């Protein structure tokens, strides 16, 4: 299967299980920061050396360094509000990663189709 290299904004945190309320608030924060139509890929794994559980939130949109600094502060506050140690947030950075041809095709199809509101508006005009 072919792959495409893309740059994403990666949010890396320690942990694999998260409270639903925390995830809901985190997604709301990411929607405000990156826009509601932004794709986010979650990946959870254990580090090979010490077997720490890690969750990566890959946001398929790049932002400037100032936005990353603000986002770090907001996520640390959010972690504290939900009873997590803010040090669970390991990093927010731009990284190059790969997506499969299938993921790329899904994204292309999504762009072609548009949002539900755009489709409804197109049907009424």
PDB file of N, CA and C in Angstrom:
ATOM      1  N   UNK A   1       0.843  -1.167   0.000  1.00  0.00           N
ATOM      2  CA  UNK A   1       0.000   0.000   0.000  1.00  0.00           C
ATOM      3  C   UNK A   1       0.896   1.240   0.000  1.00  0.00           C
ATOM      4  N   UNK A   2       0.579   2.215  -0.847  1.00  0.00           N
ATOM      5  CA  UNK A   2       1.430   3.404  -0.913  1.00  0.00           C
ATOM      6  C   UNK A   2       1.115   4.360   0.233  1.00  0.00           C
ATOM      7  N   UNK A   3       2.111   5.159   0.564  1.00  0.00           N
ATOM      8  CA  UNK A   3       1.983   6.102   1.670  1.00  0.00           C
ATOM      9  C   UNK A   3       2.368   7.497   1.202  1.00  0.00           C
ATOM     10  N   UNK A   4       1.806   8.493   1.854  1.00  0.00           N
ATOM     11  CA  UNK A   4       2.097   9.890   1.580  1.00  0.00           C
ATOM     12  C   UNK A   4       2.630  10.531   2.848  1.00  0.00           C
ATOM     13  N   UNK A   5       3.667  11.352   2.714  1.00  0.00           N
ATOM     14  CA  UNK A   5       4.229  12.048   3.877  1.00  0.00           C
ATOM     15  C   UNK A   5       3.498  13.378   4.050  1.00  0.00           C
ATOM     16  N   UNK A   6       3.097  13.654   5.288  1.00  0.00           N
ATOM     17  CA  UNK A   6       2.407  14.899   5.617  1.00  0.00           C
ATOM     18  C   UNK A   6       2.970  15.448   6.924  1.00  0.00           C
ATOM     19  N   UNK A   7       2.831  16.749   7.121  1.00  0.00           N
ATOM     20  CA  UNK A   7       3.217  17.366   8.388  1.00  0.00           C
ATOM     21  C   UNK A   7       1.962  17.565   9.223  1.00  0.00           C
ATOM     22  N   UNK A   8       2.019  17.122  10.475  1.00  0.00           N
ATOM     23  CA  UNK A   8       0.891  17.242  11.391  1.00  0.00           C
ATOM     24  C   UNK A   8       1.356  17.941  12.662  1.00  0.00           C
ATOM     25  N   UNK A   9       0.401  18.416  13.435  1.00  0.00           N
ATOM     26  CA  UNK A   9       0.689  18.915  14.777  1.00  0.00           C
ATOM     27  C   UNK A   9       0.402  17.764  15.723  1.00  0.00           C
ATOM     28  N   UNK A  10       1.438  17.251  16.389  1.00  0.00           N
ATOM     29  CA  UNK A  10       1.289  16.076  17.261  1.00  0.00           C
ATOM     30  C   UNK A  10       1.232  16.512  18.720  1.00  0.00           C
ATOM     31  N   UNK A  11       0.186  16.052  19.394  1.00  0.00           N
ATOM     32  CA  UNK A  11       0.034  16.258  20.836  1.00  0.00           C
ATOM     33  C   UNK A  11       0.287  14.903  21.473  1.00  0.00           C
ATOM     34  N   UNK A  12       1.339  14.794  22.279  1.00  0.00           N
ATOM     35  CA  UNK A  12       1.724  13.512  22.885  1.00  0.00           C
ATOM     36  C   UNK A  12       1.515  13.583  24.391  1.00  0.00           C
ATOM     37  N   UNK A  13       0.762  12.587  24.898  1.00  0.00           N
ATOM     38  CA  UNK A  13       0.482  12.533  26.332  1.00  0.00           C
ATOM     39  C   UNK A  13       0.717  11.130  26.868  1.00  0.00           C
ATOM     40  N   UNK A  14       1.077  11.068  28.158  1.00  0.00           N
ATOM     41  CA  UNK A  14       1.233   9.784  28.839  1.00  0.00           C
ATOM     42  C   UNK A  14      -0.156   9.297  29.223  1.00  0.00           C
ATOM     43  N   UNK A  15      -0.473   8.063  28.856  1.00  0.00           N
ATOM     44  CA  UNK A  15      -1.752   7.454  29.203  1.00  0.00           C
ATOM     45  C   UNK A  15      -2.441   6.889  27.975  1.00  0.00           C
ATOM     46  N   UNK A  16      -3.269   5.858  28.204  1.00  0.00           N
ATOM     47  CA  UNK A  16      -4.041   5.278  27.109  1.00  0.00           C
ATOM     48  C   UNK A  16      -5.532   5.344  27.364  1.00  0.00           C
ATOM     49  N   UNK A  17      -5.912   5.473  28.631  1.00  0.00           N
ATOM     50  CA  UNK A  17      -7.333   5.543  28.964  1.00  0.00           C
ATOM     51  C   UNK A  17      -7.629   6.944  29.470  1.00  0.00           C
ATOM     52  N   UNK A  18      -8.672   7.536  28.918  1.00  0.00           N
ATOM     53  CA  UNK A  18      -9.017   8.914  29.242  1.00  0.00           C
ATOM     54  C   UNK A  18     -10.495   8.996  29.573  1.00  0.00           C
ATOM     55  N   UNK A  19     -10.836   9.882  30.508  1.00  0.00           N
ATOM     56  CA  UNK A  19     -12.238  10.116  30.847  1.00  0.00           C
ATOM     57  C   UNK A  19     -12.933  10.743  29.640  1.00  0.00           C
ATOM     58  N   UNK A  20     -14.164  10.318  29.412  1.00  0.00           N
ATOM     59  CA  UNK A  20     -14.922  10.843  28.272  1.00  0.00           C
ATOM     60  C   UNK A  20     -15.094  12.358  28.365  1.00  0.00           C
ATOM     61  N   UNK A  21     -15.332  12.866  29.568  1.00  0.00           N
ATOM     62  CA  UNK A  21     -15.486  14.319  29.739  1.00  0.00           C
ATOM     63  C   UNK A  21     -14.216  15.068  29.345  1.00  0.00           C
ATOM     64  N   UNK A  22     -13.056  14.505  29.697  1.00  0.00           N
ATOM     65  CA  UNK A  22     -11.791  15.138  29.323  1.00  0.00           C
ATOM     66  C   UNK A  22     -11.643  15.151  27.805  1.00  0.00           C
ATOM     67  N   UNK A  23     -11.912  14.003  27.162  1.00  0.00           N
ATOM     68  CA  UNK A  23     -11.778  13.938  25.702  1.00  0.00           C
ATOM     69  C   UNK A  23     -12.739  14.900  25.013  1.00  0.00           C
ATOM     70  N   UNK A  24     -13.943  15.004  25.543  1.00  0.00           N
ATOM     71  CA  UNK A  24     -14.921  15.927  24.970  1.00  0.00           C
ATOM     72  C   UNK A  24     -14.408  17.370  25.057  1.00  0.00           C
ATOM     73  N   UNK A  25     -13.888  17.753  26.216  1.00  0.00           N
ATOM     74  CA  UNK A  25     -13.357  19.107  26.383  1.00  0.00           C
ATOM     75  C   UNK A  25     -12.102  19.330  25.536  1.00  0.00           C
ATOM     76  N   UNK A  26     -11.258  18.300  25.427  1.00  0.00           N
ATOM     77  CA  UNK A  26     -10.062  18.412  24.591  1.00  0.00           C
ATOM     78  C   UNK A  26     -10.454  18.601  23.125  1.00  0.00           C
ATOM     79  N   UNK A  27     -11.428  17.830  22.652  1.00  0.00           N
ATOM     80  CA  UNK A  27     -11.858  17.962  21.257  1.00  0.00           C
ATOM     81  C   UNK A  27     -12.465  19.343  21.008  1.00  0.00           C
ATOM     82  N   UNK A  28     -13.190  19.869  21.979  1.00  0.00           N
ATOM     83  CA  UNK A  28     -13.754  21.220  21.842  1.00  0.00           C
ATOM     84  C   UNK A  28     -12.624  22.250  21.724  1.00  0.00           C
ATOM     85  N   UNK A  29     -11.598  22.108  22.550  1.00  0.00           N
ATOM     86  CA  UNK A  29     -10.439  22.999  22.482  1.00  0.00           C
ATOM     87  C   UNK A  29      -9.754  22.892  21.118  1.00  0.00           C
ATOM     88  N   UNK A  30      -9.597  21.669  20.613  1.00  0.00           N
ATOM     89  CA  UNK A  30      -8.952  21.478  19.314  1.00  0.00           C
ATOM     90  C   UNK A  30      -9.813  22.041  18.189  1.00  0.00           C
ATOM     91  N   UNK A  31     -11.142  21.917  18.299  1.00  0.00           N
ATOM     92  CA  UNK A  31     -12.037  22.507  17.296  1.00  0.00           C
ATOM     93  C   UNK A  31     -11.881  24.022  17.264  1.00  0.00           C
ATOM     94  N   UNK A  32     -11.786  24.636  18.437  1.00  0.00           N
ATOM     95  CA  UNK A  32     -11.624  26.090  18.512  1.00  0.00           C
ATOM     96  C   UNK A  32     -10.274  26.499  17.921  1.00  0.00           C
ATOM     97  N   UNK A  33      -9.233  25.749  18.239  1.00  0.00           N
ATOM     98  CA  UNK A  33      -7.878  26.091  17.796  1.00  0.00           C
ATOM     99  C   UNK A  33      -7.660  25.822  16.314  1.00  0.00           C
ATOM    100  N   UNK A  34      -8.118  24.655  15.830  1.00  0.00           N
ATOM    101  CA  UNK A  34      -7.798  24.224  14.468  1.00  0.00           C
ATOM    102  C   UNK A  34      -8.967  24.324  13.494  1.00  0.00           C
ATOM    103  N   UNK A  35     -10.180  24.470  13.992  1.00  0.00           N
ATOM    104  CA  UNK A  35     -11.363  24.469  13.131  1.00  0.00           C
ATOM    105  C   UNK A  35     -12.084  23.135  13.215  1.00  0.00           C
ATOM    106  N   UNK A  36     -13.393  23.180  13.078  1.00  0.00           N
ATOM    107  CA  UNK A  36     -14.229  21.998  13.278  1.00  0.00           C
ATOM    108  C   UNK A  36     -14.074  20.901  12.247  1.00  0.00           C
ATOM    109  N   UNK A  37     -13.607  21.226  11.068  1.00  0.00           N
ATOM    110  CA  UNK A  37     -13.479  20.227  10.007  1.00  0.00           C
ATOM    111  C   UNK A  37     -12.108  19.548   9.993  1.00  0.00           C
ATOM    112  N   UNK A  38     -11.259  19.858  10.957  1.00  0.00           N
ATOM    113  CA  UNK A  38      -9.908  19.305  11.011  1.00  0.00           C
ATOM    114  C   UNK A  38      -9.939  17.835  11.397  1.00  0.00           C
ATOM    115  N   UNK A  39      -9.144  17.034  10.712  1.00  0.00           N
ATOM    116  CA  UNK A  39      -9.047  15.608  11.029  1.00  0.00           C
ATOM    117  C   UNK A  39      -8.034  15.381  12.138  1.00  0.00           C
ATOM    118  N   UNK A  40      -8.366  14.443  13.037  1.00  0.00           N
ATOM    119  CA  UNK A  40      -7.477  14.087  14.140  1.00  0.00           C
ATOM    120  C   UNK A  40      -7.351  12.573  14.162  1.00  0.00           C
ATOM    121  N   UNK A  41      -6.111  12.083  14.188  1.00  0.00           N
ATOM    122  CA  UNK A  41      -5.861  10.639  14.276  1.00  0.00           C
ATOM    123  C   UNK A  41      -5.310  10.342  15.661  1.00  0.00           C
ATOM    124  N   UNK A  42      -5.925   9.375  16.348  1.00  0.00           N
ATOM    125  CA  UNK A  42      -5.454   8.947  17.669  1.00  0.00           C
ATOM    126  C   UNK A  42      -4.639   7.678  17.514  1.00  0.00           C
ATOM    127  N   UNK A  43      -3.529   7.617  18.233  1.00  0.00           N
ATOM    128  CA  UNK A  43      -2.689   6.429  18.224  1.00  0.00           C
ATOM    129  C   UNK A  43      -2.209   6.194  19.647  1.00  0.00           C
ATOM    130  N   UNK A  44      -2.478   5.014  20.172  1.00  0.00           N
ATOM    131  CA  UNK A  44      -2.074   4.681  21.534  1.00  0.00           C
ATOM    132  C   UNK A  44      -1.120   3.496  21.469  1.00  0.00           C
ATOM    133  N   UNK A  45      -0.032   3.564  22.235  1.00  0.00           N
ATOM    134  CA  UNK A  45       0.971   2.500  22.179  1.00  0.00           C
ATOM    135  C   UNK A  45       1.783   2.490  23.463  1.00  0.00           C
ATOM    136  N   UNK A  46       2.579   1.451  23.638  1.00  0.00           N
ATOM    137  CA  UNK A  46       3.510   1.352  24.766  1.00  0.00           C
ATOM    138  C   UNK A  46       4.912   1.641  24.261  1.00  0.00           C
ATOM    139  N   UNK A  47       5.679   2.433  25.018  1.00  0.00           N
ATOM    140  CA  UNK A  47       7.062   2.680  24.628  1.00  0.00           C
ATOM    141  C   UNK A  47       7.858   1.393  24.804  1.00  0.00           C
ATOM    142  N   UNK A  48       8.765   1.091  23.903  1.00  0.00           N
ATOM    143  CA  UNK A  48       9.496  -0.175  23.978  1.00  0.00           C
ATOM    144  C   UNK A  48      10.376  -0.317  25.221  1.00  0.00           C
ATOM    145  N   UNK A  49      11.039   0.760  25.639  1.00  0.00           N
ATOM    146  CA  UNK A  49      12.007   0.648  26.724  1.00  0.00           C
ATOM    147  C   UNK A  49      11.333   0.411  28.075  1.00  0.00           C
ATOM    148  N   UNK A  50      10.433   1.276  28.456  1.00  0.00           N
ATOM    149  CA  UNK A  50       9.851   1.197  29.798  1.00  0.00           C
ATOM    150  C   UNK A  50       8.374   0.853  29.795  1.00  0.00           C
ATOM    151  N   UNK A  51       7.831   0.655  28.625  1.00  0.00           N
ATOM    152  CA  UNK A  51       6.434   0.269  28.472  1.00  0.00           C
ATOM    153  C   UNK A  51       5.462   1.288  29.063  1.00  0.00           C
ATOM    154  N   UNK A  52       5.806   2.576  28.909  1.00  0.00           N
ATOM    155  CA  UNK A  52       4.871   3.630  29.292  1.00  0.00           C
ATOM    156  C   UNK A  52       3.760   3.699  28.250  1.00  0.00           C
ATOM    157  N   UNK A  53       2.519   3.843  28.683  1.00  0.00           N
ATOM    158  CA  UNK A  53       1.441   4.035  27.704  1.00  0.00           C
ATOM    159  C   UNK A  53       1.456   5.479  27.191  1.00  0.00           C
ATOM    160  N   UNK A  54       1.383   5.628  25.889  1.00  0.00           N
ATOM    161  CA  UNK A  54       1.426   6.939  25.239  1.00  0.00           C
ATOM    162  C   UNK A  54       0.223   7.057  24.312  1.00  0.00           C
ATOM    163  N   UNK A  55      -0.355   8.249  24.250  1.00  0.00           N
ATOM    164  CA  UNK A  55      -1.384   8.541  23.255  1.00  0.00           C
ATOM    165  C   UNK A  55      -0.919   9.735  22.439  1.00  0.00           C
ATOM    166  N   UNK A  56      -0.914   9.565  21.123  1.00  0.00           N
ATOM    167  CA  UNK A  56      -0.630  10.661  20.202  1.00  0.00           C
ATOM    168  C   UNK A  56      -1.938  11.119  19.578  1.00  0.00           C
ATOM    169  N   UNK A  57      -2.147  12.417  19.570  1.00  0.00           N
ATOM    170  CA  UNK A  57      -3.259  13.031  18.859  1.00  0.00           C
ATOM    171  C   UNK A  57      -2.622  13.764  17.681  1.00  0.00           C
ATOM    172  N   UNK A  58      -2.706  13.200  16.480  1.00  0.00           N
ATOM    173  CA  UNK A  58      -2.140  13.841  15.296  1.00  0.00           C
ATOM    174  C   UNK A  58      -3.220  14.698  14.645  1.00  0.00           C
ATOM    175  N   UNK A  59      -2.994  16.006  14.637  1.00  0.00           N
ATOM    176  CA  UNK A  59      -3.949  16.954  14.072  1.00  0.00           C
ATOM    177  C   UNK A  59      -3.452  17.314  12.680  1.00  0.00           C
ATOM    178  N   UNK A  60      -4.258  17.047  11.666  1.00  0.00           N
ATOM    179  CA  UNK A  60      -3.838  17.235  10.287  1.00  0.00           C
ATOM    180  C   UNK A  60      -3.989  18.690   9.849  1.00  0.00           C
ATOM    181  N   UNK A  61      -3.326  19.545  10.606  1.00  0.00           N
ATOM    182  CA  UNK A  61      -3.284  20.969  10.283  1.00  0.00           C
ATOM    183  C   UNK A  61      -2.081  21.553  11.010  1.00  0.00           C
ATOM    184  N   UNK A  62      -1.327  22.385  10.319  1.00  0.00           N
ATOM    185  CA  UNK A  62      -0.164  23.027  10.938  1.00  0.00           C
ATOM    186  C   UNK A  62      -0.567  24.372  11.529  1.00  0.00           C
ATOM    187  N   UNK A  63       0.082  24.729  12.633  1.00  0.00           N
ATOM    188  CA  UNK A  63      -0.126  26.045  13.245  1.00  0.00           C
ATOM    189  C   UNK A  63       1.232  26.645  13.588  1.00  0.00           C
ATOM    190  N   UNK A  64       1.230  27.932  13.895  1.00  0.00           N
ATOM    191  CA  UNK A  64       2.494  28.595  14.226  1.00  0.00           C
ATOM    192  C   UNK A  64       2.923  28.274  15.657  1.00  0.00           C
ATOM    193  N   UNK A  65       4.157  28.638  15.976  1.00  0.00           N
ATOM    194  CA  UNK A  65       4.734  28.320  17.288  1.00  0.00           C
ATOM    195  C   UNK A  65       3.985  28.991  18.435  1.00  0.00           C
ATOM    196  N   UNK A  66       3.497  30.198  18.219  1.00  0.00           N
ATOM    197  CA  UNK A  66       2.747  30.905  19.266  1.00  0.00           C
ATOM    198  C   UNK A  66       1.456  30.147  19.609  1.00  0.00           C
ATOM    199  N   UNK A  67       0.779  29.647  18.597  1.00  0.00           N
ATOM    200  CA  UNK A  67      -0.443  28.868  18.830  1.00  0.00           C
ATOM    201  C   UNK A  67      -0.126  27.592  19.593  1.00  0.00           C
ATOM    202  N   UNK A  68       1.001  26.971  19.284  1.00  0.00           N
ATOM    203  CA  UNK A  68       1.409  25.759  19.999  1.00  0.00           C
ATOM    204  C   UNK A  68       1.661  26.076  21.471  1.00  0.00           C
ATOM    205  N   UNK A  69       2.307  27.203  21.760  1.00  0.00           N
ATOM    206  CA  UNK A  69       2.549  27.587  23.164  1.00  0.00           C
ATOM    207  C   UNK A  69       1.234  27.814  23.913  1.00  0.00           C
ATOM    208  N   UNK A  70       0.305  28.515  23.277  1.00  0.00           N
ATOM    209  CA  UNK A  70      -1.000  28.758  23.903  1.00  0.00           C
ATOM    210  C   UNK A  70      -1.750  27.446  24.115  1.00  0.00           C
ATOM    211  N   UNK A  71      -1.690  26.569  23.122  1.00  0.00           N
ATOM    212  CA  UNK A  71      -2.375  25.279  23.212  1.00  0.00           C
ATOM    213  C   UNK A  71      -1.806  24.449  24.357  1.00  0.00           C
ATOM    214  N   UNK A  72      -0.489  24.483  24.535  1.00  0.00           N
ATOM    215  CA  UNK A  72       0.149  23.755  25.639  1.00  0.00           C
ATOM    216  C   UNK A  72      -0.421  24.223  26.977  1.00  0.00           C
ATOM    217  N   UNK A  73      -0.504  25.528  27.172  1.00  0.00           N
ATOM    218  CA  UNK A  73      -1.051  26.069  28.423  1.00  0.00           C
ATOM    219  C   UNK A  73      -2.498  25.633  28.630  1.00  0.00           C
ATOM    220  N   UNK A  74      -3.286  25.697  27.570  1.00  0.00           N
ATOM    221  CA  UNK A  74      -4.705  25.330  27.666  1.00  0.00           C
ATOM    222  C   UNK A  74      -4.882  23.845  27.983  1.00  0.00           C
ATOM    223  N   UNK A  75      -4.077  22.986  27.363  1.00  0.00           N
ATOM    224  CA  UNK A  75      -4.195  21.545  27.622  1.00  0.00           C
ATOM    225  C   UNK A  75      -3.746  21.223  29.040  1.00  0.00           C
ATOM    226  N   UNK A  76      -2.684  21.867  29.509  1.00  0.00           N
ATOM    227  CA  UNK A  76      -2.249  21.638  30.894  1.00  0.00           C
ATOM    228  C   UNK A  76      -3.346  22.035  31.880  1.00  0.00           C
ATOM    229  N   UNK A  77      -4.026  23.166  31.635  1.00  0.00           N
ATOM    230  CA  UNK A  77      -5.144  23.585  32.491  1.00  0.00           C
ATOM    231  C   UNK A  77      -6.278  22.565  32.437  1.00  0.00           C
ATOM    232  N   UNK A  78      -6.555  22.081  31.231  1.00  0.00           N
ATOM    233  CA  UNK A  78      -7.622  21.100  31.039  1.00  0.00           C
ATOM    234  C   UNK A  78      -7.311  19.801  31.784  1.00  0.00           C
ATOM    235  N   UNK A  79      -6.066  19.359  31.714  1.00  0.00           N
ATOM    236  CA  UNK A  79      -5.666  18.152  32.443  1.00  0.00           C
ATOM    237  C   UNK A  79      -5.916  18.331  33.937  1.00  0.00           C
ATOM    238  N   UNK A  80      -5.502  19.473  34.472  1.00  0.00           N
ATOM    239  CA  UNK A  80      -5.701  19.741  35.906  1.00  0.00           C
ATOM    240  C   UNK A  80      -7.181  19.773  36.272  1.00  0.00           C
ATOM    241  N   UNK A  81      -7.995  20.416  35.442  1.00  0.00           N
ATOM    242  CA  UNK A  81      -9.432  20.510  35.709  1.00  0.00           C
ATOM    243  C   UNK A  81     -10.086  19.136  35.802  1.00  0.00           C
ATOM    244  N   UNK A  82      -9.536  18.172  35.069  1.00  0.00           N
ATOM    245  CA  UNK A  82     -10.114  16.825  35.043  1.00  0.00           C
ATOM    246  C   UNK A  82      -9.382  15.855  35.967  1.00  0.00           C
ATOM    247  N   UNK A  83      -8.524  16.389  36.837  1.00  0.00           N
ATOM    248  CA  UNK A  83      -7.868  15.556  37.838  1.00  0.00           C
ATOM    249  C   UNK A  83      -6.626  14.823  37.367  1.00  0.00           C
ATOM    250  N   UNK A  84      -6.096  15.211  36.211  1.00  0.00           N
ATOM    251  CA  UNK A  84      -4.862  14.614  35.705  1.00  0.00           C
ATOM    252  C   UNK A  84      -3.682  15.521  36.051  1.00  0.00           C
ATOM    253  N   UNK A  85      -2.507  14.917  36.167  1.00  0.00           N
ATOM    254  CA  UNK A  85      -1.281  15.681  36.356  1.00  0.00           C
ATOM    255  C   UNK A  85      -0.958  16.387  35.033  1.00  0.00           C
ATOM    256  N   UNK A  86      -0.739  17.705  35.044  1.00  0.00           N
ATOM    257  CA  UNK A  86      -0.443  18.411  33.789  1.00  0.00           C
ATOM    258  C   UNK A  86       0.845  17.938  33.118  1.00  0.00           C
ATOM    259  N   UNK A  87       1.709  17.257  33.872  1.00  0.00           N
ATOM    260  CA  UNK A  87       2.943  16.729  33.266  1.00  0.00           C
ATOM    261  C   UNK A  87       2.673  15.531  32.366  1.00  0.00           C
ATOM    262  N   UNK A  88       1.413  15.069  32.312  1.00  0.00           N
ATOM    263  CA  UNK A  88       1.077  14.007  31.359  1.00  0.00           C
ATOM    264  C   UNK A  88       1.212  14.492  29.922  1.00  0.00           C
ATOM    265  N   UNK A  89       1.145  15.804  29.733  1.00  0.00           N
ATOM    266  CA  UNK A  89       1.371  16.372  28.408  1.00  0.00           C
ATOM    267  C   UNK A  89       2.872  16.389  28.159  1.00  0.00           C
ATOM    268  N   UNK A  90       3.330  15.552  27.250  1.00  0.00           N
ATOM    269  CA  UNK A  90       4.766  15.448  26.983  1.00  0.00           C
ATOM    270  C   UNK A  90       5.245  16.462  25.956  1.00  0.00           C
ATOM    271  N   UNK A  91       4.491  16.623  24.866  1.00  0.00           N
ATOM    272  CA  UNK A  91       4.965  17.502  23.797  1.00  0.00           C
ATOM    273  C   UNK A  91       3.824  17.892  22.873  1.00  0.00           C
ATOM    274  N   UNK A  92       3.976  19.062  22.290  1.00  0.00           N
ATOM    275  CA  UNK A  92       3.160  19.486  21.155  1.00  0.00           C
ATOM    276  C   UNK A  92       4.160  20.001  20.136  1.00  0.00           C
ATOM    277  N   UNK A  93       4.207  19.356  18.985  1.00  0.00           N
ATOM    278  CA  UNK A  93       5.193  19.771  17.989  1.00  0.00           C
ATOM    279  C   UNK A  93       4.731  19.381  16.597  1.00  0.00           C
ATOM    280  N   UNK A  94       5.367  19.994  15.618  1.00  0.00           N
ATOM    281  CA  UNK A  94       5.106  19.649  14.224  1.00  0.00           C
ATOM    282  C   UNK A  94       5.985  18.458  13.873  1.00  0.00           C
ATOM    283  N   UNK A  95       5.385  17.433  13.314  1.00  0.00           N
ATOM    284  CA  UNK A  95       6.149  16.255  12.910  1.00  0.00           C
ATOM    285  C   UNK A  95       5.717  15.827  11.516  1.00  0.00           C
ATOM    286  N   UNK A  96       6.616  15.157  10.842  1.00  0.00           N
ATOM    287  CA  UNK A  96       6.292  14.584   9.550  1.00  0.00           C
ATOM    288  C   UNK A  96       5.909  13.136   9.778  1.00  0.00           C
ATOM    289  N   UNK A  97       4.794  12.723   9.219  1.00  0.00           N
ATOM    290  CA  UNK A  97       4.324  11.355   9.381  1.00  0.00           C
ATOM    291  C   UNK A  97       3.802  10.865   8.039  1.00  0.00           C
ATOM    292  N   UNK A  98       3.353   9.650   8.001  1.00  0.00           N
ATOM    293  CA  UNK A  98       2.815   9.100   6.758  1.00  0.00           C
ATOM    294  C   UNK A  98       1.341   8.777   6.934  1.00  0.00           C
ATOM    295  N   UNK A  99       0.626   8.896   5.835  1.00  0.00           N
ATOM    296  CA  UNK A  99      -0.742   8.398   5.794  1.00  0.00           C
ATOM    297  C   UNK A  99      -0.818   7.435   4.618  1.00  0.00           C
ATOM    298  N   UNK A 100      -1.656   6.444   4.758  1.00  0.00           N
ATOM    299  CA  UNK A 100      -1.795   5.461   3.690  1.00  0.00           C
ATOM    300  C   UNK A 100      -2.614   6.050   2.556  1.00  0.00           C
ATOM    301  N   UNK A 101      -2.535   5.410   1.401  1.00  0.00           N
ATOM    302  CA  UNK A 101      -3.316   5.854   0.254  1.00  0.00           C
ATOM    303  C   UNK A 101      -4.802   5.821   0.586  1.00  0.00           C
ATOM    304  N   UNK A 102      -5.206   4.840   1.381  1.00  0.00           N
ATOM    305  CA  UNK A 102      -6.621   4.735   1.760  1.00  0.00           C
ATOM    306  C   UNK A 102      -7.044   5.939   2.602  1.00  0.00           C
ATOM    307  N   UNK A 103      -6.225   6.331   3.594  1.00  0.00           N
ATOM    308  CA  UNK A 103      -6.542   7.509   4.409  1.00  0.00           C
ATOM    309  C   UNK A 103      -6.605   8.756   3.534  1.00  0.00           C
ATOM    310  N   UNK A 104      -5.672   8.869   2.594  1.00  0.00           N
ATOM    311  CA  UNK A 104      -5.631  10.017   1.702  1.00  0.00           C
ATOM    312  C   UNK A 104      -6.876  10.054   0.819  1.00  0.00           C
ATOM    313  N   UNK A 105      -7.304   8.892   0.333  1.00  0.00           N
ATOM    314  CA  UNK A 105      -8.500   8.814  -0.510  1.00  0.00           C
ATOM    315  C   UNK A 105      -9.744   9.199   0.277  1.00  0.00           C
ATOM    316  N   UNK A 106      -9.809   8.775   1.529  1.00  0.00           N
ATOM    317  CA  UNK A 106     -10.950   9.130   2.371  1.00  0.00           C
ATOM    318  C   UNK A 106     -10.998  10.638   2.553  1.00  0.00           C
ATOM    319  N   UNK A 107      -9.850  11.253   2.801  1.00  0.00           N
ATOM    320  CA  UNK A 107      -9.792  12.705   2.972  1.00  0.00           C
ATOM    321  C   UNK A 107     -10.202  13.409   1.684  1.00  0.00           C
ATOM    322  N   UNK A 108      -9.724  12.933   0.540  1.00  0.00           N
ATOM    323  CA  UNK A 108     -10.076  13.555  -0.737  1.00  0.00           C
ATOM    324  C   UNK A 108     -11.573  13.460  -0.979  1.00  0.00           C
ATOM    325  N   UNK A 109     -12.135  12.298  -0.698  1.00  0.00           N
ATOM    326  CA  UNK A 109     -13.570  12.110  -0.889  1.00  0.00           C
ATOM    327  C   UNK A 109     -14.343  13.042   0.043  1.00  0.00           C
ATOM    328  N   UNK A 110     -13.870  13.194   1.273  1.00  0.00           N
ATOM    329  CA  UNK A 110     -14.513  14.075   2.243  1.00  0.00           C
ATOM    330  C   UNK A 110     -14.507  15.511   1.736  1.00  0.00           C
ATOM    331  N   UNK A 111     -13.391  15.940   1.142  1.00  0.00           N
ATOM    332  CA  UNK A 111     -13.312  17.297   0.604  1.00  0.00           C
ATOM    333  C   UNK A 111     -14.260  17.467  -0.571  1.00  0.00           C
ATOM    334  N   UNK A 112     -14.386  16.437  -1.421  1.00  0.00           N
ATOM    335  CA  UNK A 112     -15.282  16.503  -2.569  1.00  0.00           C
ATOM    336  C   UNK A 112     -16.740  16.598  -2.133  1.00  0.00           C
ATOM    337  N   UNK A 113     -17.092  15.849  -1.113  1.00  0.00           N
ATOM    338  CA  UNK A 113     -18.474  15.787  -0.662  1.00  0.00           C
ATOM    339  C   UNK A 113     -18.847  17.048   0.099  1.00  0.00           C
ATOM    340  N   UNK A 114     -17.936  17.595   0.866  1.00  0.00           N
ATOM    341  CA  UNK A 114     -18.207  18.779   1.672  1.00  0.00           C
ATOM    342  C   UNK A 114     -18.918  18.422   2.962  1.00  0.00           C
ATOM    343  N   UNK A 115     -19.243  19.432   3.731  1.00  0.00           N
ATOM    344  CA  UNK A 115     -19.928  19.192   4.996  1.00  0.00           C
ATOM    345  C   UNK A 115     -21.405  18.950   4.746  1.00  0.00           C
ATOM    346  N   UNK A 116     -22.096  18.444   5.741  1.00  0.00           N
ATOM    347  CA  UNK A 116     -23.529  18.191   5.624  1.00  0.00           C
ATOM    348  C   UNK A 116     -24.274  19.491   5.319  1.00  0.00           C
ATOM    349  N   UNK A 117     -23.859  20.587   5.947  1.00  0.00           N
ATOM    350  CA  UNK A 117     -24.503  21.880   5.699  1.00  0.00           C
ATOM    351  C   UNK A 117     -24.305  22.327   4.253  1.00  0.00           C
ATOM    352  N   UNK A 118     -23.089  22.134   3.730  1.00  0.00           N
ATOM    353  CA  UNK A 118     -22.820  22.524   2.345  1.00  0.00           C
ATOM    354  C   UNK A 118     -23.652  21.698   1.379  1.00  0.00           C
ATOM    355  N   UNK A 119     -23.769  20.381   1.653  1.00  0.00           N
ATOM    356  CA  UNK A 119     -24.573  19.516   0.779  1.00  0.00           C
ATOM    357  C   UNK A 119     -26.041  19.921   0.818  1.00  0.00           C
ATOM    358  N   UNK A 120     -26.561  20.198   2.020  1.00  0.00           N
ATOM    359  CA  UNK A 120     -27.965  20.593   2.157  1.00  0.00           C
ATOM    360  C   UNK A 120     -28.222  21.912   1.433  1.00  0.00           C
ATOM    361  N   UNK A 121     -27.293  22.846   1.565  1.00  0.00           N
ATOM    362  CA  UNK A 121     -27.443  24.140   0.900  1.00  0.00           C
ATOM    363  C   UNK A 121     -27.416  23.975  -0.616  1.00  0.00           C
ATOM    364  N   UNK A 122     -26.535  23.103  -1.110  1.00  0.00           N
ATOM    365  CA  UNK A 122     -26.433  22.867  -2.549  1.00  0.00           C
ATOM    366  C   UNK A 122     -27.714  22.238  -3.090  1.00  0.00           C
ATOM    367  N   UNK A 123     -28.336  21.375  -2.293  1.00  0.00           N
ATOM    368  CA  UNK A 123     -29.566  20.717  -2.736  1.00  0.00           C
ATOM    369  C   UNK A 123     -30.736  21.687  -2.804  1.00  0.00           C
ATOM    370  N   UNK A 124     -30.742  22.709  -1.954  1.00  0.00           N
ATOM    371  CA  UNK A 124     -31.869  23.647  -1.919  1.00  0.00           C
ATOM    372  C   UNK A 124     -31.733  24.774  -2.932  1.00  0.00           C
ATOM    373  N   UNK A 125     -30.536  24.947  -3.498  1.00  0.00           N
ATOM    374  CA  UNK A 125     -30.366  26.040  -4.466  1.00  0.00           C
ATOM    375  C   UNK A 125     -30.451  25.545  -5.874  1.00  0.00           C
TER     376      UNK A 125
END
